[in-house]
Amino acid sequence: MIRRAFLQGAAALAVLSSVAGASRAGDATKAQTRMGQEGMAKDIVMLHGASAGGWCFDTFRGVFEGDGWTVHTPDLVGHGSDKDGADRKLVGVGLAEYRADFAAVLKTLPPQPVVLGHSMGALLAQQLAASGLARALILVSPAPHAGILPSSDSEKNLSQSLMGIPSFWKAVINPDFDLACFYSLNRVPKDRQRAVFDKFGPESGLAYFEMFFWMLDERRAAAVDTGAVRCPVLCLSGIDDNLVSLATARATALPYRDAQFWQEAGHGHMLPVEPGADDIARRIAAWIPT
């Protein structure tokens, strides 16, 4: 999706005891919906990708909430509900700032929620998990972290198109409909592509630089300490993903011992908004360790 033109006394104890008992019962009922079988809070945080927002998890949210989960879908600065004025807000903002935004959200929740990331959000999710902030990690169409080279012609062409934008790392890049239809919306029905695209917003050129040209980035903003990730990992990728190839997604999962990898036939990059997203969400919910 690239082109420029692209988170209470004692006086009435008898009465209060009965009220307190009812209150405790109510609290217990509420807690049950938020706790797993072993007392783990049923909170899941879903982190969106470049140019997107929490809106892309609407289908996933419905499935998970129906299963008793509390779902959090924060928008990064300049994204989703905050995309107005993104051309100013995102100048010079990179992955470190994005990671800090999402980390702040996670730290307001019960310890170690489940973290699910899509695309760039999956890269950030890995970094957060490496800091001990997740009890399970789900990577959907994960953008490659530092050390993973492009493995398909479409990935290489995308990098080359960025190089055609002068000082793109200092710019804010608007999404382009035709490119989006090829790279990320190719498995979204044609009659829905424009509606989905219209929810996209600009993206920080610096964030793109840090992801695509990590070998030149002195901050190593896209680096992931994979050895520090101790939680279970699930990685899934659409076979028809033109933005992050199946091989690149496999390379992301490779360092994680016992990680599960699912390749999704008939799906592309925008798995959470494609037909069948509800089925994928149900299978992910069933996979999450209790």
C-alpha atoms as a PDB file:
ATOM      1  CA  MET A   1       0.000   0.000   0.000  1.00  0.00           C
ATOM      2  CA  ILE A   2       2.749   2.361  -0.713  1.00  0.00           C
ATOM      3  CA  ARG A   3       2.935   5.549  -2.695  1.00  0.00           C
ATOM      4  CA  ARG A   4       3.289   9.185  -1.804  1.00  0.00           C
ATOM      5  CA  ALA A   5       0.296  10.173  -4.410  1.00  0.00           C
ATOM      6  CA  PHE A   6       0.231   6.178  -0.382  1.00  0.00           C
ATOM      7  CA  LEU A   7      -4.942   2.286  24.853  1.00  0.00           C
ATOM      8  CA  GLN A   8     -16.642   1.191  51.782  1.00  0.00           C
ATOM      9  CA  GLY A   9     -19.744   0.220  59.167  1.00  0.00           C
ATOM     10  CA  ALA A  10     -20.378  -1.767  61.632  1.00  0.00           C
ATOM     11  CA  ALA A  11     -23.712  -0.064  62.591  1.00  0.00           C
ATOM     12  CA  ALA A  12     -25.738  -2.142  60.197  1.00  0.00           C
ATOM     13  CA  LEU A  13     -23.525  -5.171  59.949  1.00  0.00           C
ATOM     14  CA  ALA A  14     -26.337  -7.666  59.453  1.00  0.00           C
ATOM     15  CA  VAL A  15     -27.687  -5.679  56.517  1.00  0.00           C
ATOM     16  CA  LEU A  16     -24.291  -4.987  55.063  1.00  0.00           C
ATOM     17  CA  SER A  17     -23.258  -8.620  55.287  1.00  0.00           C
ATOM     18  CA  SER A  18     -26.155  -9.650  53.086  1.00  0.00           C
ATOM     19  CA  VAL A  19     -25.432  -6.831  50.659  1.00  0.00           C
ATOM     20  CA  ALA A  20     -21.752  -7.714  50.644  1.00  0.00           C
ATOM     21  CA  GLY A  21     -22.626 -11.341  49.998  1.00  0.00           C
ATOM     22  CA  ALA A  22     -24.692 -10.390  47.004  1.00  0.00           C
ATOM     23  CA  SER A  23     -21.950  -8.066  45.835  1.00  0.00           C
ATOM     24  CA  ARG A  24     -19.337 -10.781  46.122  1.00  0.00           C
ATOM     25  CA  ALA A  25     -21.549 -13.133  44.148  1.00  0.00           C
ATOM     26  CA  GLY A  26     -21.916 -10.501  41.457  1.00  0.00           C
ATOM     27  CA  ASP A  27     -18.191  -9.834  41.413  1.00  0.00           C
ATOM     28  CA  ALA A  28     -17.504 -13.550  41.143  1.00  0.00           C
ATOM     29  CA  THR A  29     -19.842 -13.814  38.169  1.00  0.00           C
ATOM     30  CA  LYS A  30     -18.105 -10.921  36.449  1.00  0.00           C
ATOM     31  CA  ALA A  31     -14.689 -12.343  37.250  1.00  0.00           C
ATOM     32  CA  GLN A  32     -15.630 -15.727  35.811  1.00  0.00           C
ATOM     33  CA  THR A  33     -16.183 -14.176  32.429  1.00  0.00           C
ATOM     34  CA  ARG A  34     -12.700 -12.620  32.583  1.00  0.00           C
ATOM     35  CA  MET A  35     -10.790 -15.577  34.021  1.00  0.00           C
ATOM     36  CA  GLY A  36      -9.657 -18.767  32.387  1.00  0.00           C
ATOM     37  CA  GLN A  37      -9.736 -22.191  34.013  1.00  0.00           C
ATOM     38  CA  GLU A  38      -6.518 -21.516  35.926  1.00  0.00           C
ATOM     39  CA  GLY A  39      -7.386 -17.980  37.061  1.00  0.00           C
ATOM     40  CA  MET A  40      -5.794 -16.170  34.118  1.00  0.00           C
ATOM     41  CA  ALA A  41      -7.594 -13.004  33.082  1.00  0.00           C
ATOM     42  CA  LYS A  42      -9.308 -13.461  29.748  1.00  0.00           C
ATOM     43  CA  ASP A  43      -7.964 -10.279  28.192  1.00  0.00           C
ATOM     44  CA  ILE A  44      -6.687 -10.225  24.655  1.00  0.00           C
ATOM     45  CA  VAL A  45      -5.045  -7.230  23.044  1.00  0.00           C
ATOM     46  CA  MET A  46      -5.122  -6.996  19.262  1.00  0.00           C
ATOM     47  CA  LEU A  47      -2.494  -4.792  17.653  1.00  0.00           C
ATOM     48  CA  HIS A  48      -3.144  -3.436  14.181  1.00  0.00           C
ATOM     49  CA  GLY A  49      -0.717  -2.944  11.345  1.00  0.00           C
ATOM     50  CA  ALA A  50       0.509  -0.122   9.148  1.00  0.00           C
ATOM     51  CA  SER A  51      -2.109   2.322   7.840  1.00  0.00           C
ATOM     52  CA  ALA A  52      -4.832   0.362   9.668  1.00  0.00           C
ATOM     53  CA  GLY A  53      -6.533   0.630  13.091  1.00  0.00           C
ATOM     54  CA  GLY A  54      -8.408  -1.364  15.700  1.00  0.00           C
ATOM     55  CA  TRP A  55     -11.369  -1.450  13.294  1.00  0.00           C
ATOM     56  CA  CYS A  56      -9.756  -4.282  11.354  1.00  0.00           C
ATOM     57  CA  PHE A  57     -10.456  -6.655  14.285  1.00  0.00           C
ATOM     58  CA  ASP A  58     -14.222  -6.115  14.380  1.00  0.00           C
ATOM     59  CA  THR A  59     -14.961  -9.694  13.279  1.00  0.00           C
ATOM     60  CA  PHE A  60     -12.355 -11.163  15.640  1.00  0.00           C
ATOM     61  CA  ARG A  61     -13.818  -9.056  18.483  1.00  0.00           C
ATOM     62  CA  GLY A  62     -17.293 -10.518  17.971  1.00  0.00           C
ATOM     63  CA  VAL A  63     -15.979 -14.090  18.129  1.00  0.00           C
ATOM     64  CA  PHE A  64     -13.760 -13.548  21.166  1.00  0.00           C
ATOM     65  CA  GLU A  65     -16.336 -11.566  23.142  1.00  0.00           C
ATOM     66  CA  GLY A  66     -18.840 -14.328  22.452  1.00  0.00           C
ATOM     67  CA  ASP A  67     -16.346 -16.710  24.063  1.00  0.00           C
ATOM     68  CA  GLY A  68     -16.056 -14.579  27.224  1.00  0.00           C
ATOM     69  CA  TRP A  69     -12.947 -12.603  26.361  1.00  0.00           C
ATOM     70  CA  THR A  70     -12.408  -8.923  27.050  1.00  0.00           C
ATOM     71  CA  VAL A  71     -11.036  -7.553  23.795  1.00  0.00           C
ATOM     72  CA  HIS A  72      -8.811  -4.496  23.500  1.00  0.00           C
ATOM     73  CA  THR A  73      -8.098  -3.003  20.065  1.00  0.00           C
ATOM     74  CA  PRO A  74      -6.117   0.211  20.648  1.00  0.00           C
ATOM     75  CA  ASP A  75      -5.363   2.643  17.858  1.00  0.00           C
ATOM     76  CA  LEU A  76      -1.842   3.952  17.461  1.00  0.00           C
ATOM     77  CA  VAL A  77      -1.338   7.683  17.194  1.00  0.00           C
ATOM     78  CA  GLY A  78      -2.384   8.852  13.740  1.00  0.00           C
ATOM     79  CA  HIS A  79      -4.259   5.619  13.009  1.00  0.00           C
ATOM     80  CA  GLY A  80      -7.864   4.449  13.048  1.00  0.00           C
ATOM     81  CA  SER A  81     -10.043   6.885  15.001  1.00  0.00           C
ATOM     82  CA  ASP A  82      -7.002   9.189  15.354  1.00  0.00           C
ATOM     83  CA  LYS A  83      -6.058   9.380  11.677  1.00  0.00           C
ATOM     84  CA  ASP A  84      -7.243  12.971  11.179  1.00  0.00           C
ATOM     85  CA  GLY A  85      -4.123  15.096  10.967  1.00  0.00           C
ATOM     86  CA  ALA A  86      -1.913  12.040  10.536  1.00  0.00           C
ATOM     87  CA  ASP A  87       0.186  13.928   8.020  1.00  0.00           C
ATOM     88  CA  ARG A  88       1.461  16.009  10.977  1.00  0.00           C
ATOM     89  CA  LYS A  89       1.204  13.506  13.837  1.00  0.00           C
ATOM     90  CA  LEU A  90       3.307  10.805  12.192  1.00  0.00           C
ATOM     91  CA  VAL A  91       6.322  12.801  11.057  1.00  0.00           C
ATOM     92  CA  GLY A  92       9.397  11.233  12.655  1.00  0.00           C
ATOM     93  CA  VAL A  93       7.356   8.620  14.548  1.00  0.00           C
ATOM     94  CA  GLY A  94       8.824   5.119  14.360  1.00  0.00           C
ATOM     95  CA  LEU A  95       8.490   1.612  15.710  1.00  0.00           C
ATOM     96  CA  ALA A  96       9.928   2.497  19.144  1.00  0.00           C
ATOM     97  CA  GLU A  97       7.177   5.069  19.668  1.00  0.00           C
ATOM     98  CA  TYR A  98       4.532   2.649  18.439  1.00  0.00           C
ATOM     99  CA  ARG A  99       5.850  -0.060  20.751  1.00  0.00           C
ATOM    100  CA  ALA A 100       5.760   2.343  23.721  1.00  0.00           C
ATOM    101  CA  ASP A 101       2.138   3.226  22.918  1.00  0.00           C
ATOM    102  CA  PHE A 102       1.053  -0.402  22.866  1.00  0.00           C
ATOM    103  CA  ALA A 103       3.170  -1.265  25.956  1.00  0.00           C
ATOM    104  CA  ALA A 104       1.386   1.490  27.903  1.00  0.00           C
ATOM    105  CA  VAL A 105      -1.955  -0.155  27.058  1.00  0.00           C
ATOM    106  CA  LEU A 106      -0.777  -3.608  28.121  1.00  0.00           C
ATOM    107  CA  LYS A 107       0.503  -2.289  31.460  1.00  0.00           C
ATOM    108  CA  THR A 108      -2.994  -1.038  32.376  1.00  0.00           C
ATOM    109  CA  LEU A 109      -4.420  -4.576  32.089  1.00  0.00           C
ATOM    110  CA  PRO A 110      -4.223  -7.658  34.329  1.00  0.00           C
ATOM    111  CA  PRO A 111      -0.710  -9.135  34.032  1.00  0.00           C
ATOM    112  CA  GLN A 112       0.223 -10.885  30.820  1.00  0.00           C
ATOM    113  CA  PRO A 113      -2.791 -10.735  28.548  1.00  0.00           C
ATOM    114  CA  VAL A 114      -2.842 -12.661  25.305  1.00  0.00           C
ATOM    115  CA  VAL A 115      -1.373 -10.517  22.544  1.00  0.00           C
ATOM    116  CA  LEU A 116      -2.374 -10.830  18.897  1.00  0.00           C
ATOM    117  CA  GLY A 117      -0.708  -8.730  16.259  1.00  0.00           C
ATOM    118  CA  HIS A 118      -1.413  -8.277  12.580  1.00  0.00           C
ATOM    119  CA  SER A 119       1.297  -7.292  10.107  1.00  0.00           C
ATOM    120  CA  MET A 120       3.363  -4.467  11.664  1.00  0.00           C
ATOM    121  CA  GLY A 121       1.367  -5.108  14.856  1.00  0.00           C
ATOM    122  CA  ALA A 122       2.764  -8.656  14.871  1.00  0.00           C
ATOM    123  CA  LEU A 123       6.316  -7.306  14.796  1.00  0.00           C
ATOM    124  CA  LEU A 124       5.519  -5.018  17.739  1.00  0.00           C
ATOM    125  CA  ALA A 125       3.746  -7.897  19.519  1.00  0.00           C
ATOM    126  CA  GLN A 126       6.939  -9.962  19.385  1.00  0.00           C
ATOM    127  CA  GLN A 127       8.941  -7.136  20.930  1.00  0.00           C
ATOM    128  CA  LEU A 128       6.354  -6.766  23.719  1.00  0.00           C
ATOM    129  CA  ALA A 129       6.340 -10.520  24.356  1.00  0.00           C
ATOM    130  CA  ALA A 130      10.140 -10.433  24.591  1.00  0.00           C
ATOM    131  CA  SER A 131       9.652  -7.937  27.451  1.00  0.00           C
ATOM    132  CA  GLY A 132       7.455 -10.438  29.299  1.00  0.00           C
ATOM    133  CA  LEU A 133       4.166  -8.663  28.609  1.00  0.00           C
ATOM    134  CA  ALA A 134       2.261 -11.585  27.033  1.00  0.00           C
ATOM    135  CA  ARG A 135       1.218 -15.091  28.118  1.00  0.00           C
ATOM    136  CA  ALA A 136       0.508 -16.193  24.576  1.00  0.00           C
ATOM    137  CA  LEU A 137       1.455 -14.658  21.254  1.00  0.00           C
ATOM    138  CA  ILE A 138      -0.491 -14.816  17.988  1.00  0.00           C
ATOM    139  CA  LEU A 139       1.155 -13.483  14.850  1.00  0.00           C
ATOM    140  CA  VAL A 140      -1.157 -12.867  11.904  1.00  0.00           C
ATOM    141  CA  SER A 141       0.533 -12.089   8.579  1.00  0.00           C
ATOM    142  CA  PRO A 142       3.613 -10.888  10.504  1.00  0.00           C
ATOM    143  CA  ALA A 143       5.751  -8.128   9.048  1.00  0.00           C
ATOM    144  CA  PRO A 144       9.372  -9.310   9.028  1.00  0.00           C
ATOM    145  CA  HIS A 145      11.629  -8.269  11.892  1.00  0.00           C
ATOM    146  CA  ALA A 146      15.282  -7.282  11.500  1.00  0.00           C
ATOM    147  CA  GLY A 147      17.313 -10.117  10.019  1.00  0.00           C
ATOM    148  CA  ILE A 148      14.617 -11.414   7.661  1.00  0.00           C
ATOM    149  CA  LEU A 149      15.192 -10.571   4.011  1.00  0.00           C
ATOM    150  CA  PRO A 150      12.415 -10.343   1.403  1.00  0.00           C
ATOM    151  CA  SER A 151      11.776 -13.712  -0.202  1.00  0.00           C
ATOM    152  CA  SER A 152       9.367 -12.887  -3.031  1.00  0.00           C
ATOM    153  CA  ASP A 153       9.408 -10.600  -6.037  1.00  0.00           C
ATOM    154  CA  SER A 154       6.403  -8.664  -4.725  1.00  0.00           C
ATOM    155  CA  GLU A 155       8.215  -7.972  -1.426  1.00  0.00           C
ATOM    156  CA  LYS A 156      11.314  -6.798  -3.286  1.00  0.00           C
ATOM    157  CA  ASN A 157       9.259  -4.602  -5.591  1.00  0.00           C
ATOM    158  CA  LEU A 158       7.613  -2.972  -2.581  1.00  0.00           C
ATOM    159  CA  SER A 159      11.002  -2.032  -1.129  1.00  0.00           C
ATOM    160  CA  GLN A 160      12.078  -0.637  -4.480  1.00  0.00           C
ATOM    161  CA  SER A 161       8.941   1.497  -4.729  1.00  0.00           C
ATOM    162  CA  LEU A 162       9.807   3.089  -1.376  1.00  0.00           C
ATOM    163  CA  MET A 163      13.248   3.983  -2.641  1.00  0.00           C
ATOM    164  CA  GLY A 164      11.547   5.956  -5.403  1.00  0.00           C
ATOM    165  CA  ILE A 165      10.177   8.436  -2.844  1.00  0.00           C
ATOM    166  CA  PRO A 166      12.799  11.081  -1.968  1.00  0.00           C
ATOM    167  CA  SER A 167      13.715  11.007   1.759  1.00  0.00           C
ATOM    168  CA  PHE A 168      10.679   8.807   2.394  1.00  0.00           C
ATOM    169  CA  TRP A 169      11.845   8.147   5.981  1.00  0.00           C
ATOM    170  CA  LYS A 170      11.122  11.801   6.742  1.00  0.00           C
ATOM    171  CA  ALA A 171       7.715  11.728   5.095  1.00  0.00           C
ATOM    172  CA  VAL A 172       4.217  10.488   5.848  1.00  0.00           C
ATOM    173  CA  ILE A 173       3.035   8.140   3.128  1.00  0.00           C
ATOM    174  CA  ASN A 174      -0.544   7.880   1.932  1.00  0.00           C
ATOM    175  CA  PRO A 175      -2.049   4.528   0.910  1.00  0.00           C
ATOM    176  CA  ASP A 176      -2.778   3.896  -2.753  1.00  0.00           C
ATOM    177  CA  PHE A 177      -5.915   2.005  -3.806  1.00  0.00           C
ATOM    178  CA  ASP A 178      -4.465   0.093  -6.744  1.00  0.00           C
ATOM    179  CA  LEU A 179      -1.417  -1.025  -4.766  1.00  0.00           C
ATOM    180  CA  ALA A 180      -3.596  -1.963  -1.792  1.00  0.00           C
ATOM    181  CA  CYS A 181      -5.791  -4.116  -4.009  1.00  0.00           C
ATOM    182  CA  PHE A 182      -2.748  -6.049  -5.172  1.00  0.00           C
ATOM    183  CA  TYR A 183      -0.732  -6.293  -1.954  1.00  0.00           C
ATOM    184  CA  SER A 184      -3.268  -6.522   0.858  1.00  0.00           C
ATOM    185  CA  LEU A 185      -6.869  -6.547  -0.396  1.00  0.00           C
ATOM    186  CA  ASN A 186      -6.550  -9.202  -3.092  1.00  0.00           C
ATOM    187  CA  ARG A 187      -8.637 -11.680  -1.042  1.00  0.00           C
ATOM    188  CA  VAL A 188     -11.218  -9.098  -0.016  1.00  0.00           C
ATOM    189  CA  PRO A 189     -14.243  -9.286  -2.371  1.00  0.00           C
ATOM    190  CA  LYS A 190     -13.989  -6.626  -5.054  1.00  0.00           C
ATOM    191  CA  ASP A 191     -17.272  -5.047  -4.012  1.00  0.00           C
ATOM    192  CA  ARG A 192     -15.830  -4.475  -0.497  1.00  0.00           C
ATOM    193  CA  GLN A 193     -12.314  -3.384  -1.390  1.00  0.00           C
ATOM    194  CA  ARG A 194     -13.064   0.323  -1.605  1.00  0.00           C
ATOM    195  CA  ALA A 195     -14.967   0.337   1.736  1.00  0.00           C
ATOM    196  CA  VAL A 196     -12.051  -1.346   3.499  1.00  0.00           C
ATOM    197  CA  PHE A 197      -9.490   0.859   1.794  1.00  0.00           C
ATOM    198  CA  ASP A 198     -11.343   4.017   2.844  1.00  0.00           C
ATOM    199  CA  LYS A 199     -10.655   3.060   6.482  1.00  0.00           C
ATOM    200  CA  PHE A 200      -6.921   3.039   5.848  1.00  0.00           C
ATOM    201  CA  GLY A 201      -4.863   6.086   6.731  1.00  0.00           C
ATOM    202  CA  PRO A 202      -1.359   7.472   6.199  1.00  0.00           C
ATOM    203  CA  GLU A 203       1.703   5.767   7.623  1.00  0.00           C
ATOM    204  CA  SER A 204       5.030   6.994   8.932  1.00  0.00           C
ATOM    205  CA  GLY A 205       7.799   6.714   6.371  1.00  0.00           C
ATOM    206  CA  LEU A 206      10.230   6.211   9.254  1.00  0.00           C
ATOM    207  CA  ALA A 207       8.342   3.105  10.384  1.00  0.00           C
ATOM    208  CA  TYR A 208       8.544   1.741   6.842  1.00  0.00           C
ATOM    209  CA  PHE A 209      12.261   2.499   6.703  1.00  0.00           C
ATOM    210  CA  GLU A 210      12.858   0.668  10.000  1.00  0.00           C
ATOM    211  CA  MET A 211      10.981  -2.405   8.759  1.00  0.00           C
ATOM    212  CA  PHE A 212      12.109  -2.620   5.162  1.00  0.00           C
ATOM    213  CA  PHE A 213      15.626  -1.279   5.549  1.00  0.00           C
ATOM    214  CA  TRP A 214      16.533  -2.598   9.009  1.00  0.00           C
ATOM    215  CA  MET A 215      20.124  -3.207   7.891  1.00  0.00           C
ATOM    216  CA  LEU A 216      20.584   0.567   7.595  1.00  0.00           C
ATOM    217  CA  ASP A 217      18.780   1.480  10.826  1.00  0.00           C
ATOM    218  CA  GLU A 218      21.197   2.405  13.624  1.00  0.00           C
ATOM    219  CA  ARG A 219      18.400   2.192  16.231  1.00  0.00           C
ATOM    220  CA  ARG A 220      17.578  -1.382  15.152  1.00  0.00           C
ATOM    221  CA  ALA A 221      13.965  -0.534  15.836  1.00  0.00           C
ATOM    222  CA  ALA A 222      12.726  -3.688  14.098  1.00  0.00           C
ATOM    223  CA  ALA A 223      14.972  -6.070  16.067  1.00  0.00           C
ATOM    224  CA  VAL A 224      13.331  -8.819  18.134  1.00  0.00           C
ATOM    225  CA  ASP A 225      15.064 -10.784  20.915  1.00  0.00           C
ATOM    226  CA  THR A 226      13.345 -14.010  19.943  1.00  0.00           C
ATOM    227  CA  GLY A 227      15.198 -15.939  22.686  1.00  0.00           C
ATOM    228  CA  ALA A 228      13.452 -13.804  25.309  1.00  0.00           C
ATOM    229  CA  VAL A 229       9.982 -14.847  24.133  1.00  0.00           C
ATOM    230  CA  ARG A 230       8.957 -17.595  26.596  1.00  0.00           C
ATOM    231  CA  CYS A 231       5.249 -17.858  25.863  1.00  0.00           C
ATOM    232  CA  PRO A 232       3.479 -20.135  23.348  1.00  0.00           C
ATOM    233  CA  VAL A 233       3.505 -18.780  19.806  1.00  0.00           C
ATOM    234  CA  LEU A 234       1.052 -19.237  16.948  1.00  0.00           C
ATOM    235  CA  CYS A 235       1.840 -17.815  13.523  1.00  0.00           C
ATOM    236  CA  LEU A 236      -0.581 -17.852  10.610  1.00  0.00           C
ATOM    237  CA  SER A 237      -0.297 -16.591   7.081  1.00  0.00           C
ATOM    238  CA  GLY A 238      -2.471 -16.498   3.996  1.00  0.00           C
ATOM    239  CA  ILE A 239      -1.115 -18.476   1.069  1.00  0.00           C
ATOM    240  CA  ASP A 240      -2.115 -15.638  -1.264  1.00  0.00           C
ATOM    241  CA  ASP A 241      -0.478 -12.871   0.781  1.00  0.00           C
ATOM    242  CA  ASN A 242       1.371 -10.591  -1.645  1.00  0.00           C
ATOM    243  CA  LEU A 243       2.672  -8.267   1.090  1.00  0.00           C
ATOM    244  CA  VAL A 244       4.262 -10.793   3.470  1.00  0.00           C
ATOM    245  CA  SER A 245       5.005 -14.033   1.679  1.00  0.00           C
ATOM    246  CA  LEU A 246       4.444 -17.460   3.205  1.00  0.00           C
ATOM    247  CA  ALA A 247       8.222 -17.976   3.287  1.00  0.00           C
ATOM    248  CA  THR A 248       8.746 -14.722   5.170  1.00  0.00           C
ATOM    249  CA  ALA A 249       6.038 -15.615   7.695  1.00  0.00           C
ATOM    250  CA  ARG A 250       7.666 -19.034   8.190  1.00  0.00           C
ATOM    251  CA  ALA A 251      11.006 -17.311   8.817  1.00  0.00           C
ATOM    252  CA  THR A 252       9.289 -15.268  11.533  1.00  0.00           C
ATOM    253  CA  ALA A 253       7.986 -18.404  13.277  1.00  0.00           C
ATOM    254  CA  LEU A 254      11.202 -20.406  12.885  1.00  0.00           C
ATOM    255  CA  PRO A 255      13.142 -19.131  15.957  1.00  0.00           C
ATOM    256  CA  TYR A 256      10.282 -19.954  18.345  1.00  0.00           C
ATOM    257  CA  ARG A 257      10.594 -23.491  19.654  1.00  0.00           C
ATOM    258  CA  ASP A 258       7.366 -25.467  19.293  1.00  0.00           C
ATOM    259  CA  ALA A 259       5.631 -22.548  17.578  1.00  0.00           C
ATOM    260  CA  GLN A 260       2.627 -23.600  15.522  1.00  0.00           C
ATOM    261  CA  PHE A 261       2.389 -22.372  11.957  1.00  0.00           C
ATOM    262  CA  TRP A 262      -0.886 -22.313  10.051  1.00  0.00           C
ATOM    263  CA  GLN A 263      -1.037 -21.554   6.352  1.00  0.00           C
ATOM    264  CA  GLU A 264      -4.469 -20.367   5.364  1.00  0.00           C
ATOM    265  CA  ALA A 265      -5.653 -21.358   1.889  1.00  0.00           C
ATOM    266  CA  GLY A 266      -7.724 -18.770   0.050  1.00  0.00           C
ATOM    267  CA  HIS A 267      -6.499 -15.941   2.245  1.00  0.00           C
ATOM    268  CA  GLY A 268      -4.251 -12.950   1.686  1.00  0.00           C
ATOM    269  CA  HIS A 269      -2.720 -10.326   3.931  1.00  0.00           C
ATOM    270  CA  MET A 270      -5.866  -8.831   5.497  1.00  0.00           C
ATOM    271  CA  LEU A 271      -7.006 -12.068   7.157  1.00  0.00           C
ATOM    272  CA  PRO A 272      -9.029 -10.295   9.886  1.00  0.00           C
ATOM    273  CA  VAL A 273     -11.355  -8.628   7.357  1.00  0.00           C
ATOM    274  CA  GLU A 274     -11.540 -11.343   4.703  1.00  0.00           C
ATOM    275  CA  PRO A 275     -14.404 -13.816   4.286  1.00  0.00           C
ATOM    276  CA  GLY A 276     -13.859 -16.645   6.779  1.00  0.00           C
ATOM    277  CA  ALA A 277     -12.240 -14.386   9.384  1.00  0.00           C
ATOM    278  CA  ASP A 278     -14.782 -15.572  11.971  1.00  0.00           C
ATOM    279  CA  ASP A 279     -13.700 -19.196  11.474  1.00  0.00           C
ATOM    280  CA  ILE A 280     -10.047 -18.230  11.815  1.00  0.00           C
ATOM    281  CA  ALA A 281     -10.841 -16.313  15.026  1.00  0.00           C
ATOM    282  CA  ARG A 282     -12.650 -19.348  16.493  1.00  0.00           C
ATOM    283  CA  ARG A 283      -9.674 -21.588  15.753  1.00  0.00           C
ATOM    284  CA  ILE A 284      -7.270 -19.071  17.290  1.00  0.00           C
ATOM    285  CA  ALA A 285      -9.457 -18.839  20.439  1.00  0.00           C
ATOM    286  CA  ALA A 286      -9.458 -22.648  20.686  1.00  0.00           C
ATOM    287  CA  TRP A 287      -5.660 -22.721  20.368  1.00  0.00           C
ATOM    288  CA  ILE A 288      -4.947 -20.279  23.237  1.00  0.00           C
ATOM    289  CA  PRO A 289      -3.527 -22.224  26.221  1.00  0.00           C
ATOM    290  CA  THR A 290      -5.651 -21.985  29.406  1.00  0.00           C
END
